[in-house]
Amino acid sequence: MKPARYSPPVTVPIVTHLAIQNLRILNNVAVDLAPQANLFTGPNASGKTTVLEALYVLARGRSFRETQWTAIIAEREESLRVFARVFDQGKTVPVGIEHDRHQAVIRIKGETQRNTRTLLEQLPVQLIAPDSHRLIEQGPQYRRQYLDWGVFHVEQRFLGAWQRYRRALKQRNAALKAPAKDAVLEPWELEMSSAAEEIDRYRAHYVETLSPHLDDLGRELLNLEELGVRYLKGWREGELAMQLVTSRTSDAQQGYTRAGPHRADLELSIGNHKAVQRISRGQQKALVFALTLAQARLLNERVDRKPILLVDDFGAELDDHHLKRIWSVLQESKSQVLLTGTDLKERLSTQTPKDALFHVERGEVTRVL
């Protein structure tokens, strides 16, 4: 069946065609995607998640399942390729990545790119996977990743400030492990402090503008009236440079810098309690959706764009009540969504002409609706 013709709003990037070669068991797959919901069903270990992984690799330049490229290149193959046609701002843009066992080649509109930044800007992609509970349950690094994805996409100067900070932090940490004199540490601490104040402004403003959207989605998806988010910047009140000076001896003993934006966190609460203490496992997944969709709404509000959403194993741990609420909000978002599951056709009764259903089995992907 041919996909319906559709002219999406210019603010919504749409992947109209996706081709995958030699990524795990997907040796030669090409699909035309619908502009809104794309449902991939089939038995376990059939390749459903790998379809999402392919688009994630294309958008982020890395896998969300493995850190080593050799683990995702198909057996007896030397490289993988992912290619897409993206309709964005009234034009079709070809985007591709090829990765052998050593390096990647990224091309956008036929031009080779030096790094993944252009990919990130071209394809804003968000992922909700079975392990997304860690955003709520586990360490602050996952919440920092969540926060910084959002800040990156709405504040162009954030990446430069973060790179400045990381360079200075690396130098300070190296100096702490050597018999460094204060004169060696001081310039790096001043650079860290300057960049940290800039990072803090961007993050704090982002959380302030995100909070109303999260509040709305807490009510829509979980019936929560007191869902809160608090930004913890990673150091005590006051200038970071002074705190770094006073902590030189103790940091040297530990071997690393213990204060700064690399230690920031988000505190999620329901009333006066930490969110993780008040909600069930299924509600945690609904909260992850609320957090992700709040970012999507803020992205649209701030820079007039919408992300592409990837949802792996959509129905897992969600009862029908929460599943249908989330499905309704996803449809209302008008974003392109790719979802996997074993029983989506049965559990999601309402579909629109702008949706598509695919069956995946043994590495073959077939559009059935």
Foldseek 3Di string as FASTA:
>chain_A
DDADDDDDDQQFKAFQKKWKDQFALQHTAIDGFFLAEEEEAEDPPQCQVVVVQLVVCQQQVQGPPDDFPVVTGYPPDFKMKMWTFMCHNNDTKIWMWMDGRPDIWTDINRDTDPDNPVSNQNAVEDEDEPPLLCCQVHDFVSQVVLLVSLLVLQPVCLVVLVVQLVVLQVQLLVQLQPPHDPVSNQVSLVSNQVSQVVNVVSSVVSQVLLFVLLCVLCCLQPVANAKGKDKFQFDDPDGRSVVCVVCSVVCSVVSGDRGTNVRIGMFIDRVPGGPVVPDDPLVSSSSSLSSVVSSQVVSCVRPNHGHEYEYEALCPSHDLSSSQSSVVVSVVSSHHYYYYHHQCCPSPPDDDSSYWYWYGGSNYIGTDD
